[in-house]
Full PDB file with SEQRES, HELIX, SHEET, SSBOND, CRYST1, ORIGX, SCALE, CONECT and MASTER records, all heavy atoms in Angstrom:
SEQRES   1 A   31  ILE ASN GLU GLU ASP TYR ARG ARG ALA CYS THR PHE PRO          
SEQRES   2 A   31  ILE ARG GLY ARG VAL GLU LYS ILE SER GLY VAL GLY ILE          
SEQRES   3 A   31  GLN VAL ASN VAL GLU                                          
HELIX    1 AA1 GLU A    3  ALA A    9  1                                   7    
CRYST1    1.000    1.000    1.000  90.00  90.00  90.00 P 1           1          
ORIGX1      1.000000  0.000000  0.000000        0.00000                         
ORIGX2      0.000000  1.000000  0.000000        0.00000                         
ORIGX3      0.000000  0.000000  1.000000        0.00000                         
SCALE1      1.000000  0.000000  0.000000        0.00000                         
SCALE2      0.000000  1.000000  0.000000        0.00000                         
SCALE3      0.000000  0.000000  1.000000        0.00000                         
ATOM      1  N   ILE A   1     101.250-100.885-138.665  1.00  0.00           N  
ATOM      2  CA  ILE A   1     101.938-100.062-137.686  1.00  0.00           C  
ATOM      3  C   ILE A   1     102.917-100.893-136.849  1.00  0.00           C  
ATOM      4  O   ILE A   1     103.472-100.376-135.881  1.00  0.00           O  
ATOM      5  CB  ILE A   1     100.960 -99.343-136.750  1.00  0.00           C  
ATOM      6  CG1 ILE A   1     100.081-100.348-135.976  1.00  0.00           C  
ATOM      7  CG2 ILE A   1     100.092 -98.346-137.540  1.00  0.00           C  
ATOM      8  CD1 ILE A   1      99.176 -99.664-134.935  1.00  0.00           C  
ATOM      9  N   ASN A   2     103.148-102.133-137.232  1.00  0.00           N  
ATOM     10  CA  ASN A   2     104.170-102.908-136.559  1.00  0.00           C  
ATOM     11  C   ASN A   2     104.765-103.908-137.538  1.00  0.00           C  
ATOM     12  O   ASN A   2     104.225-104.164-138.628  1.00  0.00           O  
ATOM     13  CB  ASN A   2     103.636-103.640-135.344  1.00  0.00           C  
ATOM     14  CG  ASN A   2     102.515-104.619-135.669  1.00  0.00           C  
ATOM     15  OD1 ASN A   2     102.747-105.597-136.359  1.00  0.00           O  
ATOM     16  ND2 ASN A   2     101.324-104.338-135.127  1.00  0.00           N  
ATOM     17  N   GLU A   3     105.918-104.460-137.186  1.00  0.00           N  
ATOM     18  CA  GLU A   3     106.708-105.274-138.124  1.00  0.00           C  
ATOM     19  C   GLU A   3     106.002-106.601-138.467  1.00  0.00           C  
ATOM     20  O   GLU A   3     106.024-107.025-139.631  1.00  0.00           O  
ATOM     21  CB  GLU A   3     108.095-105.544-137.510  1.00  0.00           C  
ATOM     22  CG  GLU A   3     109.041-106.264-138.448  1.00  0.00           C  
ATOM     23  CD  GLU A   3     109.401-105.463-139.693  1.00  0.00           C  
ATOM     24  OE1 GLU A   3     109.303-104.231-139.682  1.00  0.00           O  
ATOM     25  OE2 GLU A   3     109.794-106.107-140.698  1.00  0.00           O  
ATOM     26  N   GLU A   4     105.393-107.226-137.478  1.00  0.00           N  
ATOM     27  CA  GLU A   4     104.753-108.513-137.746  1.00  0.00           C  
ATOM     28  C   GLU A   4     103.603-108.359-138.782  1.00  0.00           C  
ATOM     29  O   GLU A   4     103.498-109.136-139.698  1.00  0.00           O  
ATOM     30  CB  GLU A   4     104.230-109.130-136.439  1.00  0.00           C  
ATOM     31  CG  GLU A   4     103.567-110.497-136.696  1.00  0.00           C  
ATOM     32  CD  GLU A   4     103.042-111.136-135.408  1.00  0.00           C  
ATOM     33  OE1 GLU A   4     103.722-111.045-134.384  1.00  0.00           O  
ATOM     34  OE2 GLU A   4     101.927-111.693-135.449  1.00  0.00           O  
ATOM     35  N   ASP A   5     102.753-107.341-138.538  1.00  0.00           N  
ATOM     36  CA  ASP A   5     101.647-107.150-139.466  1.00  0.00           C  
ATOM     37  C   ASP A   5     102.160-106.758-140.849  1.00  0.00           C  
ATOM     38  O   ASP A   5     101.616-107.168-141.873  1.00  0.00           O  
ATOM     39  CB  ASP A   5     100.748-106.028-138.935  1.00  0.00           C  
ATOM     40  CG  ASP A   5      99.838-106.510-137.814  1.00  0.00           C  
ATOM     41  OD1 ASP A   5      99.811-107.738-137.562  1.00  0.00           O  
ATOM     42  OD2 ASP A   5      99.182-105.643-137.201  1.00  0.00           O  
ATOM     43  N   TYR A   6     103.227-105.946-140.887  1.00  0.00           N  
ATOM     44  CA  TYR A   6     103.763-105.533-142.187  1.00  0.00           C  
ATOM     45  C   TYR A   6     104.243-106.747-142.989  1.00  0.00           C  
ATOM     46  O   TYR A   6     103.920-106.892-144.189  1.00  0.00           O  
ATOM     47  CB  TYR A   6     104.930-104.568-141.965  1.00  0.00           C  
ATOM     48  CG  TYR A   6     105.662-104.179-143.222  1.00  0.00           C  
ATOM     49  CD1 TYR A   6     105.061-103.351-144.176  1.00  0.00           C  
ATOM     50  CD2 TYR A   6     106.919-104.676-143.506  1.00  0.00           C  
ATOM     51  CE1 TYR A   6     105.709-102.965-145.345  1.00  0.00           C  
ATOM     52  CE2 TYR A   6     107.592-104.338-144.653  1.00  0.00           C  
ATOM     53  CZ  TYR A   6     106.970-103.488-145.575  1.00  0.00           C  
ATOM     54  OH  TYR A   6     107.608-103.151-146.770  1.00  0.00           O  
ATOM     55  N   ARG A   7     104.998-107.615-142.338  1.00  0.00           N  
ATOM     56  CA  ARG A   7     105.516-108.791-143.037  1.00  0.00           C  
ATOM     57  C   ARG A   7     104.391-109.706-143.528  1.00  0.00           C  
ATOM     58  O   ARG A   7     104.457-110.225-144.637  1.00  0.00           O  
ATOM     59  CB  ARG A   7     106.457-109.600-142.110  1.00  0.00           C  
ATOM     60  CG  ARG A   7     107.767-108.874-141.813  1.00  0.00           C  
ATOM     61  CD  ARG A   7     108.611-109.703-140.840  1.00  0.00           C  
ATOM     62  NE  ARG A   7     109.845-109.048-140.527  1.00  0.00           N  
ATOM     63  CZ  ARG A   7     110.964-109.143-141.243  1.00  0.00           C  
ATOM     64  NH1 ARG A   7     110.966-109.925-142.336  1.00  0.00           N  
ATOM     65  NH2 ARG A   7     112.059-108.526-140.902  1.00  0.00           N  
ATOM     66  N   ARG A   8     103.353-109.842-142.706  1.00  0.00           N  
ATOM     67  CA  ARG A   8     102.218-110.689-143.125  1.00  0.00           C  
ATOM     68  C   ARG A   8     101.455-110.042-144.248  1.00  0.00           C  
ATOM     69  O   ARG A   8     101.056-110.700-145.219  1.00  0.00           O  
ATOM     70  CB  ARG A   8     101.325-110.956-141.937  1.00  0.00           C  
ATOM     71  CG  ARG A   8     100.207-111.946-142.223  1.00  0.00           C  
ATOM     72  CD  ARG A   8      99.632-112.579-140.963  1.00  0.00           C  
ATOM     73  NE  ARG A   8     100.539-113.607-140.429  1.00  0.00           N  
ATOM     74  CZ  ARG A   8     100.984-113.616-139.169  1.00  0.00           C  
ATOM     75  NH1 ARG A   8     100.671-112.654-138.353  1.00  0.00           N  
ATOM     76  NH2 ARG A   8     101.777-114.580-138.790  1.00  0.00           N  
ATOM     77  N   ALA A   9     101.227-108.725-144.164  1.00  0.00           N  
ATOM     78  CA  ALA A   9     100.474-108.022-145.223  1.00  0.00           C  
ATOM     79  C   ALA A   9     101.174-108.090-146.542  1.00  0.00           C  
ATOM     80  O   ALA A   9     100.528-108.058-147.611  1.00  0.00           O  
ATOM     81  CB  ALA A   9     100.241-106.590-144.797  1.00  0.00           C  
ATOM     82  N   CYS A  10     102.495-108.118-146.517  1.00  0.00           N  
ATOM     83  CA  CYS A  10     103.271-108.177-147.756  1.00  0.00           C  
ATOM     84  C   CYS A  10     103.039-109.488-148.516  1.00  0.00           C  
ATOM     85  O   CYS A  10     103.390-109.589-149.696  1.00  0.00           O  
ATOM     86  CB  CYS A  10     104.752-108.013-147.465  1.00  0.00           C  
ATOM     87  SG  CYS A  10     105.225-106.293-147.084  1.00  0.00           S  
ATOM     88  N   THR A  11     102.474-110.472-147.857  1.00  0.00           N  
ATOM     89  CA  THR A  11     102.164-111.745-148.542  1.00  0.00           C  
ATOM     90  C   THR A  11     100.783-111.736-149.169  1.00  0.00           C  
ATOM     91  O   THR A  11     100.389-112.663-149.899  1.00  0.00           O  
ATOM     92  CB  THR A  11     102.254-112.935-147.539  1.00  0.00           C  
ATOM     93  OG1 THR A  11     101.183-112.877-146.603  1.00  0.00           O  
ATOM     94  CG2 THR A  11     103.590-112.952-146.846  1.00  0.00           C  
ATOM     95  N   PHE A  12      99.978-110.701-148.903  1.00  0.00           N  
ATOM     96  CA  PHE A  12      98.615-110.607-149.459  1.00  0.00           C  
ATOM     97  C   PHE A  12      98.662-110.193-150.955  1.00  0.00           C  
ATOM     98  O   PHE A  12      99.534-109.427-151.369  1.00  0.00           O  
ATOM     99  CB  PHE A  12      97.788-109.563-148.694  1.00  0.00           C  
ATOM    100  CG  PHE A  12      97.469-109.915-147.277  1.00  0.00           C  
ATOM    101  CD1 PHE A  12      96.873-108.982-146.469  1.00  0.00           C  
ATOM    102  CD2 PHE A  12      97.784-111.143-146.741  1.00  0.00           C  
ATOM    103  CE1 PHE A  12      96.551-109.255-145.127  1.00  0.00           C  
ATOM    104  CE2 PHE A  12      97.496-111.437-145.432  1.00  0.00           C  
ATOM    105  CZ  PHE A  12      96.879-110.519-144.598  1.00  0.00           C  
ATOM    106  N   PRO A  13      97.697-110.643-151.726  1.00  0.00           N  
ATOM    107  CA  PRO A  13      97.600-110.251-153.138  1.00  0.00           C  
ATOM    108  C   PRO A  13      96.966-108.899-153.275  1.00  0.00           C  
ATOM    109  O   PRO A  13      95.829-108.734-153.785  1.00  0.00           O  
ATOM    110  CB  PRO A  13      96.709-111.349-153.759  1.00  0.00           C  
ATOM    111  CG  PRO A  13      95.815-111.744-152.622  1.00  0.00           C  
ATOM    112  CD  PRO A  13      96.653-111.635-151.370  1.00  0.00           C  
ATOM    113  N   ILE A  14      97.621-107.872-152.818  1.00  0.00           N  
ATOM    114  CA  ILE A  14      97.052-106.523-152.694  1.00  0.00           C  
ATOM    115  C   ILE A  14      96.947-105.851-154.063  1.00  0.00           C  
ATOM    116  O   ILE A  14      97.825-106.039-154.944  1.00  0.00           O  
ATOM    117  CB  ILE A  14      97.853-105.672-151.711  1.00  0.00           C  
ATOM    118  CG1 ILE A  14      97.140-104.333-151.408  1.00  0.00           C  
ATOM    119  CG2 ILE A  14      99.262-105.424-152.217  1.00  0.00           C  
ATOM    120  CD1 ILE A  14      97.703-103.629-150.202  1.00  0.00           C  
ATOM    121  N   ARG A  15      95.894-105.050-154.257  1.00  0.00           N  
ATOM    122  CA  ARG A  15      95.750-104.285-155.496  1.00  0.00           C  
ATOM    123  C   ARG A  15      96.808-103.208-155.616  1.00  0.00           C  
ATOM    124  O   ARG A  15      97.299-102.898-156.708  1.00  0.00           O  
ATOM    125  CB  ARG A  15      94.342-103.625-155.558  1.00  0.00           C  
ATOM    126  CG  ARG A  15      94.081-102.820-156.771  1.00  0.00           C  
ATOM    127  CD  ARG A  15      92.631-102.473-156.888  1.00  0.00           C  
ATOM    128  NE  ARG A  15      92.193-101.528-155.865  1.00  0.00           N  
ATOM    129  CZ  ARG A  15      90.903-101.314-155.518  1.00  0.00           C  
ATOM    130  NH1 ARG A  15      89.940-101.960-156.159  1.00  0.00           N  
ATOM    131  NH2 ARG A  15      90.574-100.444-154.601  1.00  0.00           N  
ATOM    132  N   GLY A  16      97.167-102.604-154.496  1.00  0.00           N  
ATOM    133  CA  GLY A  16      98.109-101.501-154.500  1.00  0.00           C  
ATOM    134  C   GLY A  16      99.425-101.865-153.823  1.00  0.00           C  
ATOM    135  O   GLY A  16     100.211-102.681-154.283  1.00  0.00           O  
ATOM    136  N   ARG A  17      99.655-101.260-152.664  1.00  0.00           N  
ATOM    137  CA  ARG A  17     100.911-101.439-151.980  1.00  0.00           C  
ATOM    138  C   ARG A  17     100.730-101.537-150.459  1.00  0.00           C  
ATOM    139  O   ARG A  17      99.666-101.181-149.914  1.00  0.00           O  
ATOM    140  CB  ARG A  17     101.870-100.284-152.285  1.00  0.00           C  
ATOM    141  CG  ARG A  17     101.396 -98.967-151.743  1.00  0.00           C  
ATOM    142  CD  ARG A  17     102.200 -97.791-152.286  1.00  0.00           C  
ATOM    143  NE  ARG A  17     101.875 -96.534-151.592  1.00  0.00           N  
ATOM    144  CZ  ARG A  17     100.818 -95.795-151.854  1.00  0.00           C  
ATOM    145  NH1 ARG A  17      99.982 -96.161-152.831  1.00  0.00           N  
ATOM    146  NH2 ARG A  17     100.576 -94.685-151.201  1.00  0.00           N  
ATOM    147  N   VAL A  18     101.724-102.039-149.770  1.00  0.00           N  
ATOM    148  CA  VAL A  18     101.748-102.144-148.313  1.00  0.00           C  
ATOM    149  C   VAL A  18     102.754-101.141-147.765  1.00  0.00           C  
ATOM    150  O   VAL A  18     103.870-101.049-148.276  1.00  0.00           O  
ATOM    151  CB  VAL A  18     102.103-103.561-147.851  1.00  0.00           C  
ATOM    152  CG1 VAL A  18     102.118-103.649-146.317  1.00  0.00           C  
ATOM    153  CG2 VAL A  18     101.118-104.588-148.405  1.00  0.00           C  
ATOM    154  N   GLU A  19     102.360-100.410-146.745  1.00  0.00           N  
ATOM    155  CA  GLU A  19     103.275 -99.449-146.090  1.00  0.00           C  
ATOM    156  C   GLU A  19     103.308 -99.719-144.589  1.00  0.00           C  
ATOM    157  O   GLU A  19     102.364-100.312-144.039  1.00  0.00           O  
ATOM    158  CB  GLU A  19     102.808 -98.016-146.328  1.00  0.00           C  
ATOM    159  CG  GLU A  19     102.670 -97.581-147.782  1.00  0.00           C  
ATOM    160  CD  GLU A  19     104.020 -97.078-148.333  1.00  0.00           C  
ATOM    161  OE1 GLU A  19     105.037 -97.138-147.618  1.00  0.00           O  
ATOM    162  OE2 GLU A  19     104.015 -96.587-149.493  1.00  0.00           O  
ATOM    163  N   LYS A  20     104.376 -99.300-143.959  1.00  0.00           N  
ATOM    164  CA  LYS A  20     104.447 -99.352-142.482  1.00  0.00           C  
ATOM    165  C   LYS A  20     104.789 -97.973-141.942  1.00  0.00           C  
ATOM    166  O   LYS A  20     105.693 -97.324-142.460  1.00  0.00           O  
ATOM    167  CB  LYS A  20     105.515-100.354-142.018  1.00  0.00           C  
ATOM    168  CG  LYS A  20     105.487-100.601-140.502  1.00  0.00           C  
ATOM    169  CD  LYS A  20     106.558-101.568-140.052  1.00  0.00           C  
ATOM    170  CE  LYS A  20     107.848-100.877-139.824  1.00  0.00           C  
ATOM    171  NZ  LYS A  20     108.823-101.673-139.027  1.00  0.00           N  
ATOM    172  N   ILE A  21     104.009 -97.550-140.947  1.00  0.00           N  
ATOM    173  CA  ILE A  21     104.298 -96.274-140.282  1.00  0.00           C  
ATOM    174  C   ILE A  21     104.551 -96.511-138.802  1.00  0.00           C  
ATOM    175  O   ILE A  21     104.336 -97.599-138.310  1.00  0.00           O  
ATOM    176  CB  ILE A  21     103.114 -95.271-140.473  1.00  0.00           C  
ATOM    177  CG1 ILE A  21     101.853 -95.800-139.808  1.00  0.00           C  
ATOM    178  CG2 ILE A  21     102.894 -94.987-141.944  1.00  0.00           C  
ATOM    179  CD1 ILE A  21     100.697 -94.826-139.804  1.00  0.00           C  
ATOM    180  N   SER A  22     105.019 -95.470-138.124  1.00  0.00           N  
ATOM    181  CA  SER A  22     105.350 -95.587-136.677  1.00  0.00           C  
ATOM    182  C   SER A  22     104.167 -95.341-135.807  1.00  0.00           C  
ATOM    183  O   SER A  22     104.206 -94.495-134.911  1.00  0.00           O  
ATOM    184  CB  SER A  22     106.512 -94.603-136.375  1.00  0.00           C  
ATOM    185  OG  SER A  22     107.609 -94.811-137.209  1.00  0.00           O  
ATOM    186  N   GLY A  23     103.093 -96.052-136.071  1.00  0.00           N  
ATOM    187  CA  GLY A  23     101.863 -95.894-135.257  1.00  0.00           C  
ATOM    188  C   GLY A  23     101.143 -94.637-135.559  1.00  0.00           C  
ATOM    189  O   GLY A  23     101.301 -94.028-136.625  1.00  0.00           O  
ATOM    190  N   VAL A  24     100.337 -94.188-134.612  1.00  0.00           N  
ATOM    191  CA  VAL A  24      99.559 -92.936-134.800  1.00  0.00           C  
ATOM    192  C   VAL A  24     100.365 -91.744-134.388  1.00  0.00           C  
ATOM    193  O   VAL A  24      99.933 -90.606-134.524  1.00  0.00           O  
ATOM    194  CB  VAL A  24      98.237 -92.998-134.013  1.00  0.00           C  
ATOM    195  CG1 VAL A  24      97.340 -94.095-134.539  1.00  0.00           C  
ATOM    196  CG2 VAL A  24      98.467 -93.171-132.504  1.00  0.00           C  
ATOM    197  N   GLY A  25     101.577 -91.964-133.793  1.00  0.00           N  
ATOM    198  CA  GLY A  25     102.437 -90.863-133.418  1.00  0.00           C  
ATOM    199  C   GLY A  25     102.141 -90.349-132.020  1.00  0.00           C  
ATOM    200  O   GLY A  25     101.026 -90.503-131.512  1.00  0.00           O  
ATOM    201  N   ILE A  26     103.119 -89.752-131.433  1.00  0.00           N  
ATOM    202  CA  ILE A  26     102.974 -89.158-130.112  1.00  0.00           C  
ATOM    203  C   ILE A  26     103.777 -87.862-130.061  1.00  0.00           C  
ATOM    204  O   ILE A  26     104.886 -87.781-130.577  1.00  0.00           O  
ATOM    205  CB  ILE A  26     103.436 -90.140-128.987  1.00  0.00           C  
ATOM    206  CG1 ILE A  26     103.102 -89.585-127.613  1.00  0.00           C  
ATOM    207  CG2 ILE A  26     104.883 -90.508-129.136  1.00  0.00           C  
ATOM    208  CD1 ILE A  26     103.238 -90.607-126.513  1.00  0.00           C  
ATOM    209  N   GLN A  27     103.197 -86.843-129.432  1.00  0.00           N  
ATOM    210  CA  GLN A  27     103.862 -85.569-129.355  1.00  0.00           C  
ATOM    211  C   GLN A  27     105.028 -85.668-128.361  1.00  0.00           C  
ATOM    212  O   GLN A  27     104.838 -86.016-127.200  1.00  0.00           O  
ATOM    213  CB  GLN A  27     102.880 -84.492-128.900  1.00  0.00           C  
ATOM    214  CG  GLN A  27     103.441 -83.062-128.937  1.00  0.00           C  
ATOM    215  CD  GLN A  27     103.774 -82.632-130.367  1.00  0.00           C  
ATOM    216  OE1 GLN A  27     102.945 -82.805-131.282  1.00  0.00           O  
ATOM    217  NE2 GLN A  27     104.919 -82.073-130.581  1.00  0.00           N  
ATOM    218  N   VAL A  28     106.210 -85.370-128.819  1.00  0.00           N  
ATOM    219  CA  VAL A  28     107.393 -85.426-127.961  1.00  0.00           C  
ATOM    220  C   VAL A  28     107.896 -84.017-127.825  1.00  0.00           C  
ATOM    221  O   VAL A  28     108.278 -83.388-128.812  1.00  0.00           O  
ATOM    222  CB  VAL A  28     108.490 -86.318-128.581  1.00  0.00           C  
ATOM    223  CG1 VAL A  28     109.720 -86.338-127.664  1.00  0.00           C  
ATOM    224  CG2 VAL A  28     107.962 -87.735-128.770  1.00  0.00           C  
ATOM    225  N   ASN A  29     107.877 -83.497-126.604  1.00  0.00           N  
ATOM    226  CA  ASN A  29     108.332 -82.116-126.406  1.00  0.00           C  
ATOM    227  C   ASN A  29     109.653 -82.066-125.694  1.00  0.00           C  
ATOM    228  O   ASN A  29     110.112 -83.066-125.096  1.00  0.00           O  
ATOM    229  CB  ASN A  29     107.297 -81.300-125.630  1.00  0.00           C  
ATOM    230  CG  ASN A  29     106.892 -81.917-124.319  1.00  0.00           C  
ATOM    231  OD1 ASN A  29     107.761 -82.169-123.488  1.00  0.00           O  
ATOM    232  ND2 ASN A  29     105.634 -82.194-124.131  1.00  0.00           N  
ATOM    233  N   VAL A  30     110.317 -80.930-125.775  1.00  0.00           N  
ATOM    234  CA  VAL A  30     111.655 -80.775-125.220  1.00  0.00           C  
ATOM    235  C   VAL A  30     111.657 -80.951-123.709  1.00  0.00           C  
ATOM    236  O   VAL A  30     112.538 -81.622-123.143  1.00  0.00           O  
ATOM    237  CB  VAL A  30     112.233 -79.362-125.558  1.00  0.00           C  
ATOM    238  CG1 VAL A  30     113.577 -79.163-124.911  1.00  0.00           C  
ATOM    239  CG2 VAL A  30     112.325 -79.204-127.085  1.00  0.00           C  
ATOM    240  N   GLU A  31     110.633 -80.437-123.035  1.00  0.00           N  
ATOM    241  CA  GLU A  31     110.602 -80.528-121.587  1.00  0.00           C  
ATOM    242  C   GLU A  31     110.561 -81.948-121.103  1.00  0.00           C  
ATOM    243  O   GLU A  31     111.254 -82.334-120.191  1.00  0.00           O  
ATOM    244  CB  GLU A  31     109.359 -79.768-121.068  1.00  0.00           C  
ATOM    245  CG  GLU A  31     109.183 -79.843-119.543  1.00  0.00           C  
ATOM    246  CD  GLU A  31     107.950 -79.165-119.057  1.00  0.00           C  
ATOM    247  OE1 GLU A  31     107.682 -78.018-119.506  1.00  0.00           O  
ATOM    248  OE2 GLU A  31     107.201 -79.736-118.271  1.00  0.00           O  
TER     249      GLU A  31                                                      
MASTER        0    0    0    1    0    0    0    6  248    1    0    3          
END                                                                             
């Protein structure tokens, strides 16, 4: 969920793949 962890995880010998998302998300309303 952040750039530093993503870059480090990309160096791991992972069975599958590494993804990065924008955290758990937050509801943003118009008001």
